[in-house]
Amino acid sequence: MVNAVPETSYAPCGDLSLAYQLFGDGPVELVFVGPFVSHIELLWTVPEYKAFFDQLATFCRIVVFDKAGVGLSDPVPRVRTIEDRVAEIEAVMDAVGFGRAVLFGFNDGGFASIVFAATRLERTRALILADSYSFLGATGGWTTSSATRPRCGRARFPSRVKTIRRRWRRSHGCRKSAAPSARGGAAVP
């Protein structure tokens, strides 16, 4: 169990510094590539995250980090590419001395984790994805070219939004899971 907030260190990544924490006591090296918004020191105030990391720390050596532009990492002058995000994973692994690690891509951390695993086989022991996807169809997929865009992309996005709004008003679908207190259920503390 992690008793205190781990010490925050910084990994060089080009001209930027990435905030990271290393903790755990196991033989498995694991890189947690988190969601698009994070703050590694505030993360420990969320009981569910702390419990999750406490369990992992019993058999893993874990590194968590704030991506460039969020949390305690340096701000960025431009939107980061997927290749930039992959370089961030590698920079953090290098900083902590991980040779071949398990990548745990959570939410949009899955994008970079997938590309890292596919392009750096020698540094990838395994890939775990949770609440993730290979691309977000609502934004047009991997490319902005309409000729190569998947059919489920922008063309269907407006209808998806209408469906969500309609169900939300009728207390169906999203509202039940996203706002249980709105339907008389218990609010999550």
C-alpha atoms as a PDB file:
ATOM      1  CA  MET A   1       0.000   0.000   0.000  1.00  0.00           C
ATOM      2  CA  VAL A   2       1.203   3.490  -0.851  1.00  0.00           C
ATOM      3  CA  ASN A   3       1.114   5.360   2.472  1.00  0.00           C
ATOM      4  CA  ALA A   4       2.005   8.835   1.253  1.00  0.00           C
ATOM      5  CA  VAL A   5       1.894  10.724  -2.007  1.00  0.00           C
ATOM      6  CA  PRO A   6       4.982   9.556  -3.901  1.00  0.00           C
ATOM      7  CA  GLU A   7       7.704  12.087  -4.632  1.00  0.00           C
ATOM      8  CA  THR A   8       7.238  13.970  -7.880  1.00  0.00           C
ATOM      9  CA  SER A   9      10.220  14.028 -10.232  1.00  0.00           C
ATOM     10  CA  TYR A  10      10.695  15.409 -13.735  1.00  0.00           C
ATOM     11  CA  ALA A  11      11.751  13.642 -16.925  1.00  0.00           C
ATOM     12  CA  PRO A  12      13.261  15.528 -19.856  1.00  0.00           C
ATOM     13  CA  CYS A  13      11.343  15.207 -23.121  1.00  0.00           C
ATOM     14  CA  GLY A  14      12.881  17.426 -25.770  1.00  0.00           C
ATOM     15  CA  ASP A  15      12.572  20.993 -24.455  1.00  0.00           C
ATOM     16  CA  LEU A  16       9.874  20.004 -21.954  1.00  0.00           C
ATOM     17  CA  SER A  17       9.837  18.478 -18.477  1.00  0.00           C
ATOM     18  CA  LEU A  18       7.259  15.833 -17.603  1.00  0.00           C
ATOM     19  CA  ALA A  19       6.123  15.348 -14.006  1.00  0.00           C
ATOM     20  CA  TYR A  20       6.082  11.725 -12.886  1.00  0.00           C
ATOM     21  CA  GLN A  21       5.877   9.554  -9.780  1.00  0.00           C
ATOM     22  CA  LEU A  22       7.387   6.115  -9.261  1.00  0.00           C
ATOM     23  CA  PHE A  23       6.030   3.744  -6.625  1.00  0.00           C
ATOM     24  CA  GLY A  24       5.225   0.114  -5.949  1.00  0.00           C
ATOM     25  CA  ASP A  25       7.073  -2.950  -4.888  1.00  0.00           C
ATOM     26  CA  GLY A  26       6.749  -5.641  -7.504  1.00  0.00           C
ATOM     27  CA  PRO A  27       8.635  -7.313 -10.322  1.00  0.00           C
ATOM     28  CA  VAL A  28       6.367  -5.979 -13.097  1.00  0.00           C
ATOM     29  CA  GLU A  29       7.260  -2.587 -14.587  1.00  0.00           C
ATOM     30  CA  LEU A  30       4.026  -0.746 -15.462  1.00  0.00           C
ATOM     31  CA  VAL A  31       3.525   2.638 -17.143  1.00  0.00           C
ATOM     32  CA  PHE A  32       0.126   4.175 -16.448  1.00  0.00           C
ATOM     33  CA  VAL A  33      -0.764   6.438 -19.383  1.00  0.00           C
ATOM     34  CA  GLY A  34      -3.697   8.360 -18.020  1.00  0.00           C
ATOM     35  CA  PRO A  35      -6.571  10.443 -19.352  1.00  0.00           C
ATOM     36  CA  PHE A  36      -6.306  13.767 -21.154  1.00  0.00           C
ATOM     37  CA  VAL A  37      -6.547  15.751 -17.921  1.00  0.00           C
ATOM     38  CA  SER A  38      -4.500  14.817 -14.883  1.00  0.00           C
ATOM     39  CA  HIS A  39      -2.551  16.120 -11.932  1.00  0.00           C
ATOM     40  CA  ILE A  40      -0.450  13.364 -10.403  1.00  0.00           C
ATOM     41  CA  GLU A  41      -0.380  14.867  -6.922  1.00  0.00           C
ATOM     42  CA  LEU A  42      -4.126  15.539  -6.797  1.00  0.00           C
ATOM     43  CA  LEU A  43      -4.818  12.065  -8.185  1.00  0.00           C
ATOM     44  CA  TRP A  44      -4.084  10.640  -4.734  1.00  0.00           C
ATOM     45  CA  THR A  45      -7.041  12.537  -3.241  1.00  0.00           C
ATOM     46  CA  VAL A  46      -9.476  10.421  -5.295  1.00  0.00           C
ATOM     47  CA  PRO A  47     -10.189   7.299  -3.193  1.00  0.00           C
ATOM     48  CA  GLU A  48     -10.873   5.083  -6.222  1.00  0.00           C
ATOM     49  CA  TYR A  49      -7.543   5.923  -7.853  1.00  0.00           C
ATOM     50  CA  LYS A  50      -5.653   5.446  -4.592  1.00  0.00           C
ATOM     51  CA  ALA A  51      -7.251   2.043  -4.009  1.00  0.00           C
ATOM     52  CA  PHE A  52      -6.527   1.030  -7.613  1.00  0.00           C
ATOM     53  CA  PHE A  53      -2.867   2.044  -7.398  1.00  0.00           C
ATOM     54  CA  ASP A  54      -2.496   0.482  -3.936  1.00  0.00           C
ATOM     55  CA  GLN A  55      -3.540  -2.878  -5.381  1.00  0.00           C
ATOM     56  CA  LEU A  56      -1.277  -2.565  -8.436  1.00  0.00           C
ATOM     57  CA  ALA A  57       1.643  -1.545  -6.224  1.00  0.00           C
ATOM     58  CA  THR A  58       1.581  -4.926  -4.491  1.00  0.00           C
ATOM     59  CA  PHE A  59       2.947  -6.616  -7.605  1.00  0.00           C
ATOM     60  CA  CYS A  60       4.059  -3.770  -9.903  1.00  0.00           C
ATOM     61  CA  ARG A  61       6.597  -0.983  -9.990  1.00  0.00           C
ATOM     62  CA  ILE A  62       4.431   1.817 -11.410  1.00  0.00           C
ATOM     63  CA  VAL A  63       5.194   5.119 -13.050  1.00  0.00           C
ATOM     64  CA  VAL A  64       2.385   7.659 -13.523  1.00  0.00           C
ATOM     65  CA  PHE A  65       2.936  10.961 -15.279  1.00  0.00           C
ATOM     66  CA  ASP A  66       1.252  14.152 -16.372  1.00  0.00           C
ATOM     67  CA  LYS A  67       1.326  14.525 -20.125  1.00  0.00           C
ATOM     68  CA  ALA A  68       2.916  17.672 -21.524  1.00  0.00           C
ATOM     69  CA  GLY A  69       0.518  20.579 -21.173  1.00  0.00           C
ATOM     70  CA  VAL A  70      -1.398  19.278 -18.149  1.00  0.00           C
ATOM     71  CA  GLY A  71      -0.940  18.941 -14.416  1.00  0.00           C
ATOM     72  CA  LEU A  72       2.584  19.557 -13.175  1.00  0.00           C
ATOM     73  CA  SER A  73       4.260  19.041 -16.555  1.00  0.00           C
ATOM     74  CA  ASP A  74       5.428  21.952 -18.685  1.00  0.00           C
ATOM     75  CA  PRO A  75       2.881  23.820 -20.801  1.00  0.00           C
ATOM     76  CA  VAL A  76       3.038  23.250 -24.542  1.00  0.00           C
ATOM     77  CA  PRO A  77       3.226  25.812 -27.330  1.00  0.00           C
ATOM     78  CA  ARG A  78       1.120  23.734 -29.740  1.00  0.00           C
ATOM     79  CA  VAL A  79      -1.250  20.784 -29.861  1.00  0.00           C
ATOM     80  CA  ARG A  80       0.659  17.546 -29.286  1.00  0.00           C
ATOM     81  CA  THR A  81       0.689  14.857 -31.964  1.00  0.00           C
ATOM     82  CA  ILE A  82       0.353  11.155 -31.280  1.00  0.00           C
ATOM     83  CA  GLU A  83       4.093  10.848 -31.966  1.00  0.00           C
ATOM     84  CA  ASP A  84       4.745  13.511 -29.304  1.00  0.00           C
ATOM     85  CA  ARG A  85       2.671  11.534 -26.810  1.00  0.00           C
ATOM     86  CA  VAL A  86       4.558   8.331 -27.660  1.00  0.00           C
ATOM     87  CA  ALA A  87       7.856  10.179 -27.076  1.00  0.00           C
ATOM     88  CA  GLU A  88       6.529  11.224 -23.655  1.00  0.00           C
ATOM     89  CA  ILE A  89       5.961   7.594 -22.661  1.00  0.00           C
ATOM     90  CA  GLU A  90       9.481   6.704 -23.757  1.00  0.00           C
ATOM     91  CA  ALA A  91      10.994   9.695 -21.931  1.00  0.00           C
ATOM     92  CA  VAL A  92       9.340   8.693 -18.661  1.00  0.00           C
ATOM     93  CA  MET A  93      10.401   5.061 -19.102  1.00  0.00           C
ATOM     94  CA  ASP A  94      13.981   6.186 -19.710  1.00  0.00           C
ATOM     95  CA  ALA A  95      13.915   8.454 -16.635  1.00  0.00           C
ATOM     96  CA  VAL A  96      12.902   5.618 -14.305  1.00  0.00           C
ATOM     97  CA  GLY A  97      15.040   2.961 -15.979  1.00  0.00           C
ATOM     98  CA  PHE A  98      12.237   0.790 -17.367  1.00  0.00           C
ATOM     99  CA  GLY A  99      13.479  -1.388 -20.194  1.00  0.00           C
ATOM    100  CA  ARG A 100      10.417  -3.387 -21.157  1.00  0.00           C
ATOM    101  CA  ALA A 101       7.158  -2.415 -19.473  1.00  0.00           C
ATOM    102  CA  VAL A 102       3.469  -3.156 -19.384  1.00  0.00           C
ATOM    103  CA  LEU A 103       1.584  -0.163 -20.779  1.00  0.00           C
ATOM    104  CA  PHE A 104      -1.750   0.613 -19.149  1.00  0.00           C
ATOM    105  CA  GLY A 105      -3.571   3.061 -21.442  1.00  0.00           C
ATOM    106  CA  PHE A 106      -6.553   4.621 -19.709  1.00  0.00           C
ATOM    107  CA  ASN A 107      -9.048   6.688 -21.694  1.00  0.00           C
ATOM    108  CA  ASP A 108      -7.218   8.771 -24.289  1.00  0.00           C
ATOM    109  CA  GLY A 109      -3.933   7.426 -22.928  1.00  0.00           C
ATOM    110  CA  GLY A 110      -4.840   4.371 -24.977  1.00  0.00           C
ATOM    111  CA  PHE A 111      -4.093   6.158 -28.272  1.00  0.00           C
ATOM    112  CA  ALA A 112      -0.417   6.683 -27.501  1.00  0.00           C
ATOM    113  CA  SER A 113      -0.138   3.325 -25.745  1.00  0.00           C
ATOM    114  CA  ILE A 114      -1.354   1.503 -28.853  1.00  0.00           C
ATOM    115  CA  VAL A 115       1.099   3.335 -31.106  1.00  0.00           C
ATOM    116  CA  PHE A 116       3.943   2.846 -28.612  1.00  0.00           C
ATOM    117  CA  ALA A 117       3.263  -0.900 -28.394  1.00  0.00           C
ATOM    118  CA  ALA A 118       3.062  -1.226 -32.186  1.00  0.00           C
ATOM    119  CA  THR A 119       6.247   0.737 -32.895  1.00  0.00           C
ATOM    120  CA  ARG A 120       8.421  -0.202 -29.908  1.00  0.00           C
ATOM    121  CA  LEU A 121       7.923  -3.928 -29.547  1.00  0.00           C
ATOM    122  CA  GLU A 122      11.258  -4.351 -27.790  1.00  0.00           C
ATOM    123  CA  ARG A 123      10.124  -1.999 -24.991  1.00  0.00           C
ATOM    124  CA  THR A 124       6.593  -3.387 -24.608  1.00  0.00           C
ATOM    125  CA  ARG A 125       5.879  -6.366 -22.381  1.00  0.00           C
ATOM    126  CA  ALA A 126       2.087  -6.092 -22.622  1.00  0.00           C
ATOM    127  CA  LEU A 127      -0.683  -3.628 -23.429  1.00  0.00           C
ATOM    128  CA  ILE A 128      -3.730  -3.033 -21.238  1.00  0.00           C
ATOM    129  CA  LEU A 129      -6.497  -0.702 -22.390  1.00  0.00           C
ATOM    130  CA  ALA A 130      -9.338   0.526 -20.209  1.00  0.00           C
ATOM    131  CA  ASP A 131     -12.086   2.936 -21.249  1.00  0.00           C
ATOM    132  CA  SER A 132     -10.129   3.491 -24.441  1.00  0.00           C
ATOM    133  CA  TYR A 133     -10.467   3.224 -28.193  1.00  0.00           C
ATOM    134  CA  SER A 134      -8.193   3.285 -31.214  1.00  0.00           C
ATOM    135  CA  PHE A 135      -9.702   6.516 -32.534  1.00  0.00           C
ATOM    136  CA  LEU A 136     -12.601   8.813 -31.795  1.00  0.00           C
ATOM    137  CA  GLY A 137     -15.011   8.492 -34.720  1.00  0.00           C
ATOM    138  CA  ALA A 138     -16.660  11.810 -33.897  1.00  0.00           C
ATOM    139  CA  THR A 139     -13.474  13.633 -34.851  1.00  0.00           C
ATOM    140  CA  GLY A 140     -13.036  11.877 -38.171  1.00  0.00           C
ATOM    141  CA  GLY A 141     -10.725   9.059 -37.215  1.00  0.00           C
ATOM    142  CA  TRP A 142      -7.028   8.921 -37.986  1.00  0.00           C
ATOM    143  CA  THR A 143      -7.017  11.452 -40.800  1.00  0.00           C
ATOM    144  CA  THR A 144      -8.799  14.628 -41.757  1.00  0.00           C
ATOM    145  CA  SER A 145      -9.222  13.571 -45.376  1.00  0.00           C
ATOM    146  CA  SER A 146     -12.898  13.039 -46.195  1.00  0.00           C
ATOM    147  CA  ALA A 147     -11.882  10.441 -48.789  1.00  0.00           C
ATOM    148  CA  THR A 148     -10.335   8.188 -46.140  1.00  0.00           C
ATOM    149  CA  ARG A 149     -12.502   9.059 -43.150  1.00  0.00           C
ATOM    150  CA  PRO A 150     -14.442   6.134 -41.664  1.00  0.00           C
ATOM    151  CA  ARG A 151     -18.171   6.326 -42.401  1.00  0.00           C
ATOM    152  CA  CYS A 152     -18.966   6.402 -38.702  1.00  0.00           C
ATOM    153  CA  GLY A 153     -17.166   9.731 -38.348  1.00  0.00           C
ATOM    154  CA  ARG A 154     -18.581  13.235 -38.609  1.00  0.00           C
ATOM    155  CA  ALA A 155     -21.558  12.244 -40.735  1.00  0.00           C
ATOM    156  CA  ARG A 156     -23.179  10.393 -37.818  1.00  0.00           C
ATOM    157  CA  PHE A 157     -22.010  12.702 -35.028  1.00  0.00           C
ATOM    158  CA  PRO A 158     -24.994  15.121 -35.144  1.00  0.00           C
ATOM    159  CA  SER A 159     -27.439  12.205 -34.896  1.00  0.00           C
ATOM    160  CA  ARG A 160     -25.519  10.820 -31.906  1.00  0.00           C
ATOM    161  CA  VAL A 161     -25.745  14.178 -30.152  1.00  0.00           C
ATOM    162  CA  LYS A 162     -29.510  14.349 -30.829  1.00  0.00           C
ATOM    163  CA  THR A 163     -29.954  10.852 -29.411  1.00  0.00           C
ATOM    164  CA  ILE A 164     -28.023  11.719 -26.258  1.00  0.00           C
ATOM    165  CA  ARG A 165     -30.030  14.921 -25.754  1.00  0.00           C
ATOM    166  CA  ARG A 166     -33.347  13.127 -26.321  1.00  0.00           C
ATOM    167  CA  ARG A 167     -32.476  10.323 -23.895  1.00  0.00           C
ATOM    168  CA  TRP A 168     -31.113  12.760 -21.334  1.00  0.00           C
ATOM    169  CA  ARG A 169     -34.409  14.676 -21.262  1.00  0.00           C
ATOM    170  CA  ARG A 170     -36.381  11.432 -20.833  1.00  0.00           C
ATOM    171  CA  SER A 171     -34.129  10.215 -17.988  1.00  0.00           C
ATOM    172  CA  HIS A 172     -32.839   7.352 -20.111  1.00  0.00           C
ATOM    173  CA  GLY A 173     -29.380   6.346 -21.193  1.00  0.00           C
ATOM    174  CA  CYS A 174     -26.628   8.726 -20.156  1.00  0.00           C
ATOM    175  CA  ARG A 175     -28.479  10.391 -17.320  1.00  0.00           C
ATOM    176  CA  LYS A 176     -28.907   7.124 -15.427  1.00  0.00           C
ATOM    177  CA  SER A 177     -25.202   6.424 -15.239  1.00  0.00           C
ATOM    178  CA  ALA A 178     -23.794   9.958 -15.368  1.00  0.00           C
ATOM    179  CA  ALA A 179     -26.184  11.608 -12.877  1.00  0.00           C
ATOM    180  CA  PRO A 180     -27.831   9.019 -10.612  1.00  0.00           C
ATOM    181  CA  SER A 181     -28.966  11.698  -8.179  1.00  0.00           C
ATOM    182  CA  ALA A 182     -31.082  13.281 -10.948  1.00  0.00           C
ATOM    183  CA  ARG A 183     -33.221  10.135 -11.057  1.00  0.00           C
ATOM    184  CA  GLY A 184     -33.428   9.691  -7.295  1.00  0.00           C
ATOM    185  CA  GLY A 185     -30.396   7.440  -6.966  1.00  0.00           C
ATOM    186  CA  ALA A 186     -27.544   7.934  -4.585  1.00  0.00           C
ATOM    187  CA  ALA A 187     -25.037  10.600  -5.504  1.00  0.00           C
ATOM    188  CA  VAL A 188     -21.419   9.512  -5.639  1.00  0.00           C
ATOM    189  CA  PRO A 189     -19.515  11.289  -2.828  1.00  0.00           C
END
